[in-house]
Protein backbone atom coordinates (compact mmCIF):
# COMPACT_ATOMS: atom_id res chain seq x y z
CA MET A 1 0.11 0.00 0.07
CA LYS A 2 1.80 3.52 -0.91
CA HIS A 3 1.72 5.97 2.06
CA ALA A 4 1.69 9.73 1.81
CA ASP A 5 1.25 11.94 5.06
CA VAL A 6 -1.37 14.17 3.01
CA ILE A 7 -3.76 13.40 0.19
CA ILE A 8 -5.52 15.44 -2.03
CA VAL A 9 -8.31 14.25 -3.61
CA GLY A 10 -8.49 16.60 -6.66
CA GLY A 11 -6.80 18.46 -8.69
CA SER A 12 -8.46 21.73 -10.00
CA ALA A 13 -7.88 25.18 -8.57
CA ALA A 14 -8.90 23.88 -4.48
CA GLY A 15 -6.42 21.27 -4.88
CA ILE A 16 -3.63 22.63 -6.13
CA GLU A 17 -3.63 25.55 -4.00
CA ALA A 18 -3.64 23.20 -0.96
CA ALA A 19 -0.36 21.20 -2.54
CA ARG A 20 1.37 24.16 -2.64
CA THR A 21 -0.01 25.23 0.97
CA ALA A 22 1.08 22.60 2.06
CA ARG A 23 4.33 21.99 1.16
CA GLN A 24 5.14 25.70 2.32
CA PHE A 25 3.74 25.30 5.97
CA TYR A 26 4.71 21.49 5.94
CA PRO A 27 7.73 20.90 3.83
CA GLU A 28 9.09 17.44 5.96
CA LYS A 29 5.84 16.31 5.01
CA SER A 30 4.76 14.18 1.85
CA VAL A 31 2.03 15.38 -0.24
CA ALA A 32 -0.16 13.80 -3.03
CA VAL A 33 -2.59 14.90 -5.23
CA ILE A 34 -4.99 12.55 -6.47
CA ARG A 35 -7.10 13.54 -9.79
CA ARG A 36 -9.44 11.37 -12.47
CA GLU A 37 -8.42 13.64 -15.08
CA ARG A 38 -4.97 14.05 -17.56
CA ARG A 39 -5.09 16.94 -17.59
CA THR A 40 -6.72 20.31 -15.73
CA LEU A 41 -8.76 23.15 -17.01
CA VAL A 42 -8.92 26.61 -15.55
CA PRO A 43 -12.18 26.23 -14.27
CA CYS A 44 -13.12 30.32 -15.02
CA GLY A 45 -11.79 30.11 -18.73
CA ILE A 46 -14.17 27.33 -19.93
CA PRO A 47 -16.74 29.76 -21.82
CA TYR A 48 -13.44 31.26 -23.57
CA VAL A 49 -12.38 28.66 -25.42
CA MET A 50 -15.21 28.33 -27.57
CA GLY A 51 -14.72 32.08 -29.14
CA THR A 52 -11.96 34.26 -27.30
CA LEU A 53 -9.19 31.58 -26.70
CA ASP A 54 -10.31 29.30 -29.87
CA SER A 55 -8.79 26.08 -28.25
CA ILE A 56 -9.09 24.34 -25.10
CA GLU A 57 -5.48 23.67 -25.29
CA LYS A 58 -4.87 27.67 -24.11
CA ASP A 59 -6.96 26.85 -21.04
CA VAL A 60 -5.06 24.23 -19.50
CA MET A 61 -3.45 24.46 -15.94
CA PRO A 62 0.40 23.43 -16.01
CA ASP A 63 1.08 20.22 -13.54
CA GLY A 64 3.89 22.42 -12.57
CA LEU A 65 1.68 24.25 -10.28
CA LEU A 66 1.74 21.35 -7.97
CA GLY A 67 5.62 21.68 -7.39
CA ASP A 68 7.10 18.57 -5.68
CA ALA A 69 3.87 17.44 -4.67
CA GLU A 70 3.07 13.78 -6.36
CA LEU A 71 0.66 13.63 -8.80
CA VAL A 72 -1.50 10.55 -8.48
CA LEU A 73 -4.10 9.99 -11.57
CA GLY A 74 -6.76 7.75 -10.31
CA ASP A 75 -10.41 7.66 -9.43
CA VAL A 76 -11.19 7.67 -5.40
CA VAL A 77 -14.08 4.86 -5.20
CA ALA A 78 -14.09 4.26 -1.30
CA LEU A 79 -12.55 6.50 1.85
CA ASP A 80 -12.09 4.48 4.91
CA ARG A 81 -11.56 7.22 7.99
CA ASP A 82 -11.06 4.25 10.53
CA ALA A 83 -8.25 2.80 8.66
CA ARG A 84 -7.10 6.35 6.93
CA THR A 85 -7.20 4.87 3.39
CA LEU A 86 -8.31 5.20 0.45
CA GLN A 87 -8.80 2.79 -2.51
CA LEU A 88 -8.98 3.78 -5.94
CA ALA A 89 -10.61 1.96 -8.90
CA GLY A 90 -8.66 -0.86 -9.98
CA GLY A 91 -7.80 -1.94 -6.97
CA ARG A 92 -5.01 0.83 -5.46
CA THR A 93 -5.15 0.98 -1.64
CA MET A 94 -3.53 4.85 -0.55
CA GLY A 95 -2.81 5.53 3.32
CA TYR A 96 -2.70 8.90 4.85
CA GLU A 97 -2.32 11.25 7.80
CA LYS A 98 -4.15 13.99 6.92
CA LEU A 99 -6.88 13.72 3.75
CA ILE A 100 -8.34 17.19 2.40
CA LEU A 101 -11.52 16.04 -0.15
CA ALA A 102 -11.29 18.94 -2.88
CA THR A 103 -13.95 16.62 -5.26
CA GLY A 104 -15.83 19.57 -6.65
CA SER A 105 -18.95 20.30 -8.45
CA ARG A 106 -20.95 18.65 -11.17
CA PRO A 107 -22.97 20.77 -13.33
CA LEU A 108 -27.10 20.61 -12.58
CA VAL A 109 -29.08 19.19 -15.38
CA PRO A 110 -33.09 20.65 -14.76
CA PRO A 111 -35.71 18.35 -15.05
CA ILE A 112 -37.09 19.20 -18.61
CA PRO A 113 -38.07 17.12 -21.48
CA GLY A 114 -35.67 16.66 -24.06
CA VAL A 115 -31.93 17.01 -22.14
CA ASP A 116 -30.77 13.78 -23.13
CA LEU A 117 -30.87 14.64 -26.99
CA GLU A 118 -27.84 14.99 -28.97
CA ASN A 119 -26.03 18.48 -29.08
CA VAL A 120 -27.67 19.15 -25.83
CA PHE A 121 -24.78 20.35 -23.27
CA THR A 122 -24.03 21.33 -19.55
CA VAL A 123 -20.61 22.95 -19.05
CA ARG A 124 -18.40 20.41 -17.50
CA LYS A 125 -14.92 20.98 -16.86
CA ASP A 126 -13.98 17.61 -19.38
CA MET A 127 -11.60 18.75 -22.41
CA GLN A 128 -12.91 15.81 -24.36
CA TYR A 129 -16.77 16.81 -23.99
CA LEU A 130 -16.14 20.51 -24.27
CA GLU A 131 -14.56 19.69 -27.39
CA THR A 132 -17.38 17.71 -28.58
CA LEU A 133 -19.48 21.00 -27.61
CA ARG A 134 -16.97 23.24 -29.75
CA SER A 135 -17.64 20.59 -32.63
CA ALA A 136 -21.20 21.08 -32.30
CA LEU A 137 -21.27 24.88 -32.19
CA ALA A 138 -18.83 24.63 -35.22
CA ARG A 139 -21.40 23.21 -37.46
CA ALA A 140 -24.46 25.37 -35.58
CA ARG A 141 -26.43 28.29 -36.65
CA SER A 142 -28.37 28.96 -33.85
CA VAL A 143 -27.92 28.15 -29.93
CA VAL A 144 -30.11 28.88 -26.70
CA ILE A 145 -28.45 29.04 -23.52
CA VAL A 146 -30.59 28.17 -20.87
CA GLY A 147 -29.47 30.36 -17.26
CA GLY A 148 -28.10 34.04 -17.22
CA GLY A 149 -25.79 33.76 -14.68
CA PHE A 150 -22.18 34.63 -15.33
CA ILE A 151 -21.55 31.55 -17.12
CA GLY A 152 -24.14 31.36 -18.93
CA ALA A 153 -24.26 35.30 -20.03
CA GLU A 154 -20.40 34.72 -20.50
CA PHE A 155 -21.10 31.81 -23.41
CA ALA A 156 -23.55 34.22 -24.83
CA ASP A 157 -20.99 36.62 -25.78
CA GLU A 158 -18.76 34.00 -26.68
CA CYS A 159 -20.67 32.10 -29.19
CA HIS A 160 -21.78 35.39 -30.62
CA LYS A 161 -18.44 36.06 -31.39
CA MET A 162 -18.70 32.51 -32.96
CA GLY A 163 -21.06 34.12 -35.65
CA LEU A 164 -24.24 31.89 -34.21
CA ASP A 165 -27.52 33.22 -33.68
CA VAL A 166 -27.10 33.40 -29.77
CA THR A 167 -30.72 33.36 -27.05
CA ILE A 168 -30.74 33.85 -23.43
CA VAL A 169 -33.47 32.02 -21.33
CA GLU A 170 -33.41 33.09 -17.88
CA LEU A 171 -36.21 32.30 -15.12
CA LEU A 172 -35.33 35.11 -13.28
CA GLU A 173 -36.20 38.54 -14.05
CA HIS A 174 -32.60 39.62 -15.27
CA CYS A 175 -29.62 38.15 -15.82
CA LEU A 176 -27.10 37.41 -12.87
CA TYR A 177 -29.58 39.05 -10.87
CA MET A 178 -28.09 36.41 -8.12
CA ASN A 179 -25.24 38.69 -7.80
CA CYS A 180 -25.75 41.95 -8.59
CA ASP A 181 -28.27 44.53 -8.28
CA VAL A 182 -30.93 45.66 -11.04
CA GLU A 183 -28.84 48.43 -12.87
CA SER A 184 -25.70 46.51 -13.53
CA CYS A 185 -28.28 43.74 -14.66
CA ILE A 186 -30.02 46.19 -16.95
CA GLU A 187 -26.70 47.29 -18.51
CA LEU A 188 -25.63 43.96 -19.01
CA GLU A 189 -28.37 42.58 -20.79
CA ASP A 190 -28.18 46.37 -22.88
CA ARG A 191 -24.40 45.09 -23.85
CA LEU A 192 -25.64 41.77 -24.82
CA LYS A 193 -29.00 43.23 -26.67
CA GLU A 194 -26.70 45.87 -28.75
CA THR A 195 -24.70 42.62 -30.07
CA GLY A 196 -27.03 41.40 -31.24
CA VAL A 197 -27.75 38.66 -28.19
CA HIS A 198 -31.42 38.00 -27.87
CA VAL A 199 -32.02 37.70 -23.75
CA ASN A 200 -35.46 36.10 -22.54
CA THR A 201 -36.05 37.06 -19.01
CA ASP A 202 -38.91 35.84 -16.29
CA SER A 203 -38.69 32.87 -18.92
CA ARG A 204 -38.87 29.44 -18.58
CA VAL A 205 -37.57 26.58 -21.00
CA GLN A 206 -40.74 23.82 -20.74
CA ALA A 207 -39.29 21.48 -23.01
CA ILE A 208 -36.29 21.00 -25.73
CA VAL A 209 -37.62 19.15 -28.79
CA GLY A 210 -35.89 17.25 -31.69
CA ASP A 211 -35.88 13.61 -33.23
CA GLY A 212 -32.54 12.03 -31.63
CA THR A 213 -30.73 15.89 -32.28
CA VAL A 214 -32.43 18.83 -30.88
CA THR A 215 -34.28 21.24 -33.37
CA HIS A 216 -35.57 23.54 -30.87
CA VAL A 217 -36.40 25.21 -27.17
CA GLU A 218 -40.02 25.74 -26.46
CA CYS A 219 -40.70 28.22 -23.95
CA ILE A 220 -43.65 28.43 -20.99
CA ASP A 221 -45.20 31.28 -22.15
CA GLY A 222 -45.60 29.73 -25.84
CA ARG A 223 -42.37 31.17 -27.74
CA ARG A 224 -40.26 28.34 -29.83
CA LEU A 225 -36.55 28.96 -30.58
CA ASP A 226 -34.74 27.31 -32.88
CA ALA A 227 -31.20 25.57 -31.56
CA ASP A 228 -28.99 23.44 -32.88
CA VAL A 229 -26.98 23.19 -29.84
CA VAL A 230 -28.78 24.02 -26.58
CA ILE A 231 -25.98 24.55 -23.37
CA LEU A 232 -27.32 24.37 -19.73
CA ALA A 233 -26.03 26.74 -17.50
CA VAL A 234 -28.14 26.58 -14.50
CA GLY A 235 -25.52 25.82 -11.32
CA VAL A 236 -24.32 23.23 -10.51
CA LYS A 237 -23.90 20.30 -7.17
CA PRO A 238 -21.41 19.53 -5.17
CA ASN A 239 -19.65 16.31 -5.43
CA THR A 240 -20.26 14.58 -2.00
CA GLU A 241 -20.88 11.08 -2.48
CA LEU A 242 -17.30 10.03 -1.25
CA ALA A 243 -18.21 11.60 1.95
CA THR A 244 -21.28 10.91 2.33
CA ASP A 245 -20.55 7.34 1.63
CA SER A 246 -17.87 7.15 4.52
CA GLY A 247 -20.42 8.67 7.05
CA LEU A 248 -19.63 12.61 6.65
CA ARG A 249 -22.82 14.87 6.81
CA THR A 250 -23.92 17.26 4.38
CA GLY A 251 -25.45 20.59 5.18
CA ASP A 252 -28.55 23.15 3.64
CA CYS A 253 -26.80 23.63 0.62
CA GLY A 254 -25.24 20.51 -0.26
CA GLY A 255 -21.61 20.53 0.85
CA ILE A 256 -19.82 19.12 3.40
CA VAL A 257 -19.93 20.49 6.85
CA VAL A 258 -16.40 22.08 8.14
CA ASP A 259 -15.68 24.43 10.73
CA GLN A 260 -14.00 27.56 10.85
CA PHE A 261 -10.88 25.52 9.91
CA MET A 262 -12.37 23.55 7.25
CA ARG A 263 -12.51 20.55 9.24
CA THR A 264 -15.12 18.19 9.03
CA ALA A 265 -16.64 16.03 11.61
CA ASP A 266 -13.07 13.76 11.29
CA PRO A 267 -10.17 15.83 12.60
CA ASP A 268 -8.19 13.94 10.36
CA VAL A 269 -10.36 15.17 7.02
CA PHE A 270 -10.63 18.26 5.73
CA ALA A 271 -12.89 19.82 2.68
CA ILE A 272 -12.43 22.34 0.75
CA GLY A 273 -14.02 24.19 -3.06
CA ASP A 274 -17.31 23.22 -4.33
CA CYS A 275 -17.83 20.18 -2.50
CA ALA A 276 -17.23 22.30 0.82
CA GLU A 277 -20.34 23.81 2.59
CA LYS A 278 -20.26 27.68 2.46
CA HIS A 279 -21.81 30.38 5.56
CA CYS A 280 -22.31 34.03 4.75
CA PHE A 281 -19.74 36.54 6.02
CA PHE A 282 -22.85 38.66 7.44
CA THR A 283 -25.23 36.04 8.48
CA ASN A 284 -23.59 32.50 9.09
CA GLU A 285 -26.53 30.67 7.20
CA SER A 286 -25.35 28.29 4.06
CA VAL A 287 -24.82 29.89 1.17
CA PRO A 288 -24.37 28.55 -2.53
CA ILE A 289 -21.59 30.45 -3.75
CA TRP A 290 -18.85 27.98 -5.83
CA LEU A 291 -16.29 30.26 -7.36
CA ALA A 292 -12.44 29.09 -7.66
CA SER A 293 -11.54 32.26 -5.59
CA VAL A 294 -13.04 30.84 -2.58
CA ALA A 295 -11.97 27.13 -3.62
CA THR A 296 -8.45 28.70 -3.31
CA ARG A 297 -9.15 30.68 0.10
CA GLU A 298 -10.26 28.07 1.93
CA ALA A 299 -7.42 25.78 0.15
CA ARG A 300 -5.18 27.82 1.91
CA ILE A 301 -6.96 27.87 5.45
CA ALA A 302 -7.42 24.19 5.26
CA ALA A 303 -3.35 23.32 4.28
CA ALA A 304 -2.26 25.77 6.58
CA ASN A 305 -4.21 24.27 9.46
CA LEU A 306 -3.31 20.52 9.23
CA TYR A 307 -1.49 19.80 11.64
CA ASP A 308 -1.87 23.15 13.62
CA PRO A 309 -5.60 23.36 13.46
CA ARG A 310 -6.08 26.68 14.71
CA ARG A 311 -3.69 28.47 12.84
CA ARG A 312 -6.27 30.29 10.28
CA ARG A 313 -9.67 30.68 10.76
CA ASN A 314 -12.47 30.65 7.84
CA GLN A 315 -15.07 33.74 9.28
CA GLY A 316 -17.37 33.37 6.31
CA THR A 317 -17.83 33.41 2.54
CA LEU A 318 -17.64 36.73 0.97
CA GLY A 319 -18.95 36.38 -2.62
CA VAL A 320 -16.93 38.01 -5.53
CA PHE A 321 -17.93 37.95 -9.03
CA SER A 322 -16.75 39.73 -11.92
CA THR A 323 -17.12 39.09 -15.35
CA MET A 324 -16.54 40.93 -18.76
CA ILE A 325 -19.39 40.88 -21.41
CA ALA A 326 -19.47 42.66 -24.83
CA GLY A 327 -16.60 44.68 -23.68
CA THR A 328 -18.30 45.95 -20.46
CA ALA A 329 -17.25 44.88 -17.16
CA VAL A 330 -19.28 44.30 -14.00
CA ALA A 331 -18.45 43.18 -10.35
CA ALA A 332 -19.49 43.04 -7.04
CA ALA A 333 -18.82 41.82 -4.00
CA GLY A 334 -20.79 41.20 -0.80
CA LEU A 335 -24.43 41.75 -0.30
CA THR A 336 -26.43 43.46 -3.10
CA GLU A 337 -28.82 45.97 -1.91
CA ARG A 338 -31.73 43.79 -2.32
CA THR A 339 -30.25 40.66 -0.46
CA ALA A 340 -29.18 43.07 2.39
CA ARG A 341 -32.50 44.58 2.69
CA LYS A 342 -34.23 41.35 2.44
CA ALA A 343 -32.39 40.27 5.75
CA GLY A 344 -32.99 42.89 7.50
CA PHE A 345 -30.42 45.53 7.73
CA GLU A 346 -31.04 49.18 7.45
CA LEU A 347 -28.86 50.62 4.55
CA VAL A 348 -27.00 53.94 3.37
CA ILE A 349 -25.73 53.53 -0.34
CA GLY A 350 -23.12 55.95 -1.80
CA GLU A 351 -22.44 56.06 -5.58
CA ALA A 352 -20.10 57.89 -7.70
CA SER A 353 -18.97 57.59 -11.16
CA ALA A 354 -15.74 59.29 -13.04
CA VAL A 355 -13.73 57.86 -15.90
CA ASP A 356 -11.09 55.43 -14.92
CA LYS A 357 -8.03 57.44 -16.26
CA HIS A 358 -7.02 61.05 -16.13
CA PRO A 359 -7.43 63.57 -17.68
CA GLY A 360 -10.50 61.57 -19.77
CA THR A 361 -9.44 62.20 -23.01
CA MET A 362 -6.39 59.57 -22.23
CA PRO A 363 -6.74 56.59 -24.62
CA GLU A 364 -9.39 53.94 -23.83
CA ALA A 365 -10.45 55.88 -20.52
CA ARG A 366 -13.85 54.13 -19.62
CA THR A 367 -16.30 55.10 -17.36
CA LEU A 368 -16.58 53.48 -14.25
CA SER A 369 -19.38 53.54 -11.92
CA VAL A 370 -18.99 52.19 -8.16
CA LYS A 371 -22.14 51.68 -5.49
CA LEU A 372 -21.30 51.30 -1.77
CA ILE A 373 -23.31 49.58 0.48
CA PHE A 374 -23.19 50.41 4.02
CA ASN A 375 -24.76 49.34 7.66
CA ALA A 376 -27.01 52.38 8.94
CA GLY A 377 -26.49 51.72 12.04
CA THR A 378 -22.59 50.75 12.21
CA ARG A 379 -21.70 52.51 9.10
CA LYS A 380 -19.40 49.89 8.38
CA LEU A 381 -19.29 48.31 4.37
CA MET A 382 -21.61 45.15 3.65
CA GLY A 383 -20.97 45.47 -0.37
CA GLY A 384 -20.27 47.12 -3.62
CA GLU A 385 -20.52 46.90 -7.19
CA ALA A 386 -18.71 48.32 -9.91
CA CYS A 387 -19.99 48.70 -13.79
CA GLY A 388 -17.61 49.55 -16.58
CA GLY A 389 -14.04 49.44 -17.67
CA PRO A 390 -11.76 47.05 -16.92
CA SER A 391 -10.62 48.37 -13.51
CA ALA A 392 -14.18 46.75 -12.00
CA GLY A 393 -12.90 43.42 -11.77
CA GLU A 394 -9.83 44.78 -9.17
CA THR A 395 -12.28 47.69 -7.50
CA ALA A 396 -14.60 44.92 -6.49
CA ASN A 397 -11.63 43.04 -4.43
CA VAL A 398 -10.67 46.47 -2.91
CA ILE A 399 -14.00 46.68 -1.77
CA ALA A 400 -14.62 42.64 -0.38
CA GLN A 401 -11.24 43.31 1.27
CA ALA A 402 -12.59 46.43 3.39
CA ILE A 403 -15.35 44.53 4.24
CA ALA A 404 -13.58 41.86 5.61
CA SER A 405 -11.51 44.58 7.46
CA GLY A 406 -14.57 46.25 9.12
CA SER A 407 -14.09 49.33 7.26
CA THR A 408 -16.41 52.16 7.28
CA ALA A 409 -17.81 55.29 5.15
CA GLU A 410 -15.19 57.54 6.71
CA ASP A 411 -12.64 55.12 6.39
CA LEU A 412 -12.90 54.37 2.78
CA ALA A 413 -13.89 58.38 2.37
CA ILE A 414 -10.05 58.64 3.83
CA SER A 415 -8.09 55.83 2.01
CA HIS A 416 -4.85 55.32 0.97
CA ILE A 417 -4.79 55.66 -2.73
CA GLY A 418 -2.60 56.37 -5.51
CA THR A 419 -3.43 57.35 -8.88
CA HIS A 420 -1.69 57.68 -12.34
CA PRO A 421 -2.97 59.13 -15.50
CA ALA A 422 -3.13 56.07 -17.54
CA LEU A 423 -3.98 53.33 -14.49
CA THR A 424 -6.91 55.39 -12.36
CA ALA A 425 -9.30 57.86 -11.67
CA SER A 426 -7.90 61.14 -10.93
CA PRO A 427 -7.38 61.66 -7.18
CA VAL A 428 -10.70 64.26 -7.07
CA LEU A 429 -13.10 61.85 -8.73
CA TYR A 430 -11.47 58.45 -7.37
CA GLN A 431 -14.84 56.13 -7.35
CA VAL A 432 -14.57 54.24 -3.87
CA VAL A 433 -13.50 57.16 -2.05
CA ASN A 434 -16.36 59.60 -3.71
CA ALA A 435 -18.70 56.51 -3.08
CA ALA A 436 -18.31 56.67 0.41
CA GLU A 437 -17.98 60.31 0.78
CA ASP A 438 -21.80 60.22 -0.63
CA ALA A 439 -22.82 57.53 1.56
CA VAL A 440 -21.30 60.17 4.70
CA GLY A 441 -23.45 62.56 3.61
CA ARG A 442 -26.61 60.64 3.62
CA MET A 443 -25.82 59.19 6.99
CA ARG A 444 -27.73 61.40 9.98
CA PRO A 445 -25.64 61.98 12.89
CA GLU A 446 -28.69 59.30 14.94
CA ARG A 447 -27.44 56.59 12.76
CA VAL A 448 -23.78 56.54 14.32
CA ALA A 449 -22.78 53.39 16.46
CA THR A 450 -21.68 54.58 19.55
CA GLY A 451 -19.56 51.57 19.78
């Protein structure tokens, strides 16, 4: 029987980062990563292999990222926690001291008649499967994308670049509605429509129709949409079978239950990434946030805690989302105004808009709009959004760190910033600072927390 001190099951973003961190903190320990795929894709890059990258080969994560951790190709079929062993398909067995489950997620397949027709695809992290999807799209004229979240919208934009007639069917009232406030959703939808993408919101696919191969989609409102290809982008489900078969519990969102140190009920077994349950930074309720950025953060926490269990603590998941659709960037961090009000928080909103370079006549200058959401009682930042040029993505990262640090409107209004004509807005018009000042001006003195 082979043995490694630390075994990580799963070799995508979470597994790779866990291996790197484990070697950093415990260089005397042997580390092995078991994965079933011979090559691993960059998860967030999958939509872009259809158009922008024009090749699946350009979306591969190099195995060199694992450093000197051992890579084992195989499918883990059973976990014996009492014996601290893993059984692989084919009969191999591996023993461990500490185990990290990074088994990821799989696409949801909605219960729609016709999902099993040829040329109906989900979004899988599988190179051969995606090559089949690319081939189908290359022969297609029209594609229907079921789901208008980030992945669905990105696929729509990329398929449009391939010259296809593209239609999104989204159940909610707006695309990206789960992660952004209405104004950002509308901005993105408008940009998609300007390129020629058809956006059908408040709609639902009733059936996918065809004689062996899909020919069209029927919606609940009676619309019939021609479709040579259908892409189902309606979310994911955590892969937890290995854990649950060994007696570990799952939570309300289907992930493996973990504590703040990413430990399961078994102190020698950790879970990270899409397979692990997430809890909201603000409310501690279970939340369905499955992102590679969240996964790698959890990996850095879990791996540091392997032999020193309280070295790092997960204080909750802050969703940080960003995308670029039809040349417009949309990014968000923390709670939206809608979800914060629904949770019962009293809010003060600050907004600012300015070009992202200075003067505004600089080449490639774009307007960037920022919205900040503050708790009216504590004045602390709870969420924010940025929309416009490419700097929106990093702006959301700044907002997320400000939330995690407990920054107030006053803190952000006097932020330490650096500016440059080619890189940022003017120091007079810096969007995050001015949005915070806008919020300060809206806060009544009686709302200020007394301590």
